[in-house]
Amino acid sequence: MGDVGALLRRVAWNLNQRRDISSWLAKWFPKTPAKPVVALKTPIKLELVAGKTYRWCMCGRSKKQPFCDGSHFFQRTGLSPLKFKAQETRMVALCTCKATQKPPYCDGTHRSEKVQQAELGSPLSG
């Protein structure tokens, strides 16, 4: 009978450990991602270098706009940067309002009333 008790304790301990891990994972990797926030209301123009890989900030929380600095992870947004490789060296306008329909490139959405009325660091309403 002693072996059964030890086995049950071990099973209970394993279940408890899984629960602890699950709650930790849910805390750091939420099932429903946070909404991106408006970092700036104008795009950032810069030169992309052919063949270089970039990580565009999708959450709007990076202090190194328009690129990711890892803030999405530490602020537990559930969002990840958009990784892309420049096909050619050229000047581009990268979105910082995070409302573009052509990420990571600016499509002019920042000119909309919705973006212009939003507070920096806040998600767009609606």
C-alpha atoms as a PDB file:
ATOM      1  CA  MET A   1       0.000   0.000   0.000  1.00  0.00           C
ATOM      2  CA  GLY A   2       2.929   2.329   0.683  1.00  0.00           C
ATOM      3  CA  ASP A   3       3.906   2.260  -2.991  1.00  0.00           C
ATOM      4  CA  VAL A   4       0.410   3.354  -4.037  1.00  0.00           C
ATOM      5  CA  GLY A   5       0.544   6.314  -1.640  1.00  0.00           C
ATOM      6  CA  ALA A   6       3.950   7.359  -2.994  1.00  0.00           C
ATOM      7  CA  LEU A   7       2.668   7.010  -6.550  1.00  0.00           C
ATOM      8  CA  LEU A   8      -0.416   9.139  -5.809  1.00  0.00           C
ATOM      9  CA  ARG A   9       1.743  11.828  -4.167  1.00  0.00           C
ATOM     10  CA  ARG A  10       4.040  11.862  -7.208  1.00  0.00           C
ATOM     11  CA  VAL A  11       1.069  12.138  -9.618  1.00  0.00           C
ATOM     12  CA  ALA A  12      -0.456  14.951  -7.544  1.00  0.00           C
ATOM     13  CA  TRP A  13       2.898  16.774  -7.462  1.00  0.00           C
ATOM     14  CA  ASN A  14       3.254  16.452 -11.261  1.00  0.00           C
ATOM     15  CA  LEU A  15      -0.264  17.807 -11.814  1.00  0.00           C
ATOM     16  CA  ASN A  16       0.450  20.721  -9.502  1.00  0.00           C
ATOM     17  CA  GLN A  17       3.700  21.453 -11.375  1.00  0.00           C
ATOM     18  CA  ARG A  18       1.846  21.464 -14.712  1.00  0.00           C
ATOM     19  CA  ARG A  19      -0.725  23.862 -13.296  1.00  0.00           C
ATOM     20  CA  ASP A  20       2.050  26.168 -12.093  1.00  0.00           C
ATOM     21  CA  ILE A  21       3.732  26.058 -15.504  1.00  0.00           C
ATOM     22  CA  SER A  22       0.416  26.646 -17.298  1.00  0.00           C
ATOM     23  CA  SER A  23      -0.381  29.701 -15.202  1.00  0.00           C
ATOM     24  CA  TRP A  24       3.157  31.021 -15.733  1.00  0.00           C
ATOM     25  CA  LEU A  25       2.859  30.523 -19.501  1.00  0.00           C
ATOM     26  CA  ALA A  26      -0.575  32.173 -19.580  1.00  0.00           C
ATOM     27  CA  LYS A  27       0.841  35.148 -17.693  1.00  0.00           C
ATOM     28  CA  TRP A  28       3.742  35.650 -20.122  1.00  0.00           C
ATOM     29  CA  PHE A  29       2.015  34.472 -23.310  1.00  0.00           C
ATOM     30  CA  PRO A  30      -1.639  35.547 -23.170  1.00  0.00           C
ATOM     31  CA  LYS A  31      -4.110  33.786 -25.470  1.00  0.00           C
ATOM     32  CA  THR A  32      -5.615  37.116 -26.490  1.00  0.00           C
ATOM     33  CA  PRO A  33      -2.877  39.515 -27.563  1.00  0.00           C
ATOM     34  CA  ALA A  34      -2.951  43.130 -26.460  1.00  0.00           C
ATOM     35  CA  LYS A  35      -3.877  45.743 -29.035  1.00  0.00           C
ATOM     36  CA  PRO A  36      -0.990  47.635 -30.615  1.00  0.00           C
ATOM     37  CA  VAL A  37      -0.572  51.187 -29.357  1.00  0.00           C
ATOM     38  CA  VAL A  38       0.134  54.314 -31.397  1.00  0.00           C
ATOM     39  CA  ALA A  39       3.864  54.950 -31.046  1.00  0.00           C
ATOM     40  CA  LEU A  40       3.985  58.049 -33.264  1.00  0.00           C
ATOM     41  CA  LYS A  41       1.603  59.767 -35.670  1.00  0.00           C
ATOM     42  CA  THR A  42       4.038  60.039 -38.557  1.00  0.00           C
ATOM     43  CA  PRO A  43       6.108  57.367 -40.307  1.00  0.00           C
ATOM     44  CA  ILE A  44       9.878  57.090 -39.931  1.00  0.00           C
ATOM     45  CA  LYS A  45      11.772  57.399 -43.190  1.00  0.00           C
ATOM     46  CA  LEU A  46      15.017  55.463 -43.446  1.00  0.00           C
ATOM     47  CA  GLU A  47      17.160  53.418 -45.771  1.00  0.00           C
ATOM     48  CA  LEU A  48      16.825  49.656 -45.708  1.00  0.00           C
ATOM     49  CA  VAL A  49      19.890  47.698 -46.820  1.00  0.00           C
ATOM     50  CA  ALA A  50      19.466  44.838 -49.294  1.00  0.00           C
ATOM     51  CA  GLY A  51      19.800  41.422 -47.676  1.00  0.00           C
ATOM     52  CA  LYS A  52      19.577  42.741 -44.105  1.00  0.00           C
ATOM     53  CA  THR A  53      16.896  41.318 -41.804  1.00  0.00           C
ATOM     54  CA  TYR A  54      14.839  43.727 -39.703  1.00  0.00           C
ATOM     55  CA  ARG A  55      12.353  43.272 -36.838  1.00  0.00           C
ATOM     56  CA  TRP A  56       9.552  45.845 -37.100  1.00  0.00           C
ATOM     57  CA  CYS A  57       7.755  46.618 -33.837  1.00  0.00           C
ATOM     58  CA  MET A  58       4.123  45.518 -34.059  1.00  0.00           C
ATOM     59  CA  CYS A  59       3.073  46.413 -30.519  1.00  0.00           C
ATOM     60  CA  GLY A  60       4.031  50.107 -30.559  1.00  0.00           C
ATOM     61  CA  ARG A  61       5.747  49.879 -27.170  1.00  0.00           C
ATOM     62  CA  SER A  62       9.374  49.773 -28.374  1.00  0.00           C
ATOM     63  CA  LYS A  63      11.607  52.714 -27.456  1.00  0.00           C
ATOM     64  CA  LYS A  64      13.549  52.088 -30.700  1.00  0.00           C
ATOM     65  CA  GLN A  65      10.758  52.770 -33.184  1.00  0.00           C
ATOM     66  CA  PRO A  66      10.133  51.552 -35.785  1.00  0.00           C
ATOM     67  CA  PHE A  67      12.138  48.506 -34.716  1.00  0.00           C
ATOM     68  CA  CYS A  68      11.587  46.041 -31.876  1.00  0.00           C
ATOM     69  CA  ASP A  69      13.492  46.336 -28.591  1.00  0.00           C
ATOM     70  CA  GLY A  70      11.736  43.426 -26.834  1.00  0.00           C
ATOM     71  CA  SER A  71       9.176  45.559 -24.986  1.00  0.00           C
ATOM     72  CA  HIS A  72       6.349  43.313 -26.279  1.00  0.00           C
ATOM     73  CA  PHE A  73       7.743  40.445 -24.217  1.00  0.00           C
ATOM     74  CA  PHE A  74       8.418  42.269 -20.970  1.00  0.00           C
ATOM     75  CA  GLN A  75       5.064  44.025 -21.105  1.00  0.00           C
ATOM     76  CA  ARG A  76       3.396  40.672 -21.835  1.00  0.00           C
ATOM     77  CA  THR A  77       1.500  41.823 -24.928  1.00  0.00           C
ATOM     78  CA  GLY A  78       1.299  38.469 -26.675  1.00  0.00           C
ATOM     79  CA  LEU A  79       2.495  40.240 -29.830  1.00  0.00           C
ATOM     80  CA  SER A  80       5.707  39.586 -31.751  1.00  0.00           C
ATOM     81  CA  PRO A  81       7.749  41.727 -34.128  1.00  0.00           C
ATOM     82  CA  LEU A  82       7.380  41.373 -37.888  1.00  0.00           C
ATOM     83  CA  LYS A  83      10.640  39.963 -39.195  1.00  0.00           C
ATOM     84  CA  PHE A  84      11.425  40.892 -42.795  1.00  0.00           C
ATOM     85  CA  LYS A  85      14.386  40.978 -45.152  1.00  0.00           C
ATOM     86  CA  ALA A  86      15.018  43.968 -47.426  1.00  0.00           C
ATOM     87  CA  GLN A  87      15.063  42.878 -51.060  1.00  0.00           C
ATOM     88  CA  GLU A  88      16.889  45.989 -52.230  1.00  0.00           C
ATOM     89  CA  THR A  89      18.627  49.005 -50.726  1.00  0.00           C
ATOM     90  CA  ARG A  90      16.120  51.870 -50.775  1.00  0.00           C
ATOM     91  CA  MET A  91      14.479  54.635 -48.779  1.00  0.00           C
ATOM     92  CA  VAL A  92      11.187  53.631 -47.199  1.00  0.00           C
ATOM     93  CA  ALA A  93       8.634  55.027 -44.769  1.00  0.00           C
ATOM     94  CA  LEU A  94       7.948  52.563 -41.953  1.00  0.00           C
ATOM     95  CA  CYS A  95       4.683  52.805 -40.027  1.00  0.00           C
ATOM     96  CA  THR A  96       4.727  53.927 -36.400  1.00  0.00           C
ATOM     97  CA  CYS A  97       0.972  54.361 -35.855  1.00  0.00           C
ATOM     98  CA  LYS A  98       0.649  50.550 -36.116  1.00  0.00           C
ATOM     99  CA  ALA A  99      -2.594  50.857 -38.096  1.00  0.00           C
ATOM    100  CA  THR A 100      -1.170  50.298 -41.585  1.00  0.00           C
ATOM    101  CA  GLN A 101      -2.725  47.677 -43.821  1.00  0.00           C
ATOM    102  CA  LYS A 102       0.689  47.066 -45.434  1.00  0.00           C
ATOM    103  CA  PRO A 103       3.034  46.346 -42.508  1.00  0.00           C
ATOM    104  CA  PRO A 104       5.775  47.322 -41.998  1.00  0.00           C
ATOM    105  CA  TYR A 105       5.317  50.072 -44.582  1.00  0.00           C
ATOM    106  CA  CYS A 106       3.301  53.248 -44.104  1.00  0.00           C
ATOM    107  CA  ASP A 107       0.100  53.363 -46.152  1.00  0.00           C
ATOM    108  CA  GLY A 108      -1.024  56.809 -44.978  1.00  0.00           C
ATOM    109  CA  THR A 109      -3.399  55.563 -42.270  1.00  0.00           C
ATOM    110  CA  HIS A 110      -1.693  57.902 -39.775  1.00  0.00           C
ATOM    111  CA  ARG A 111      -3.462  60.804 -41.531  1.00  0.00           C
ATOM    112  CA  SER A 112      -6.885  59.453 -40.515  1.00  0.00           C
ATOM    113  CA  GLU A 113      -8.903  61.285 -37.885  1.00  0.00           C
ATOM    114  CA  LYS A 114      -8.923  58.147 -35.745  1.00  0.00           C
ATOM    115  CA  VAL A 115      -5.110  58.059 -35.497  1.00  0.00           C
ATOM    116  CA  GLN A 116      -4.673  61.815 -35.201  1.00  0.00           C
ATOM    117  CA  GLN A 117      -7.118  61.971 -32.269  1.00  0.00           C
ATOM    118  CA  ALA A 118      -5.543  59.011 -30.467  1.00  0.00           C
ATOM    119  CA  GLU A 119      -3.167  59.542 -27.578  1.00  0.00           C
ATOM    120  CA  LEU A 120       0.403  58.330 -28.059  1.00  0.00           C
ATOM    121  CA  GLY A 121       0.903  55.053 -26.224  1.00  0.00           C
ATOM    122  CA  SER A 122      -2.805  54.175 -26.396  1.00  0.00           C
ATOM    123  CA  PRO A 123      -4.543  51.630 -28.609  1.00  0.00           C
ATOM    124  CA  LEU A 124      -6.855  52.875 -31.329  1.00  0.00           C
ATOM    125  CA  SER A 125     -10.485  52.783 -30.294  1.00  0.00           C
ATOM    126  CA  GLY A 126     -12.993  50.642 -32.127  1.00  0.00           C
END
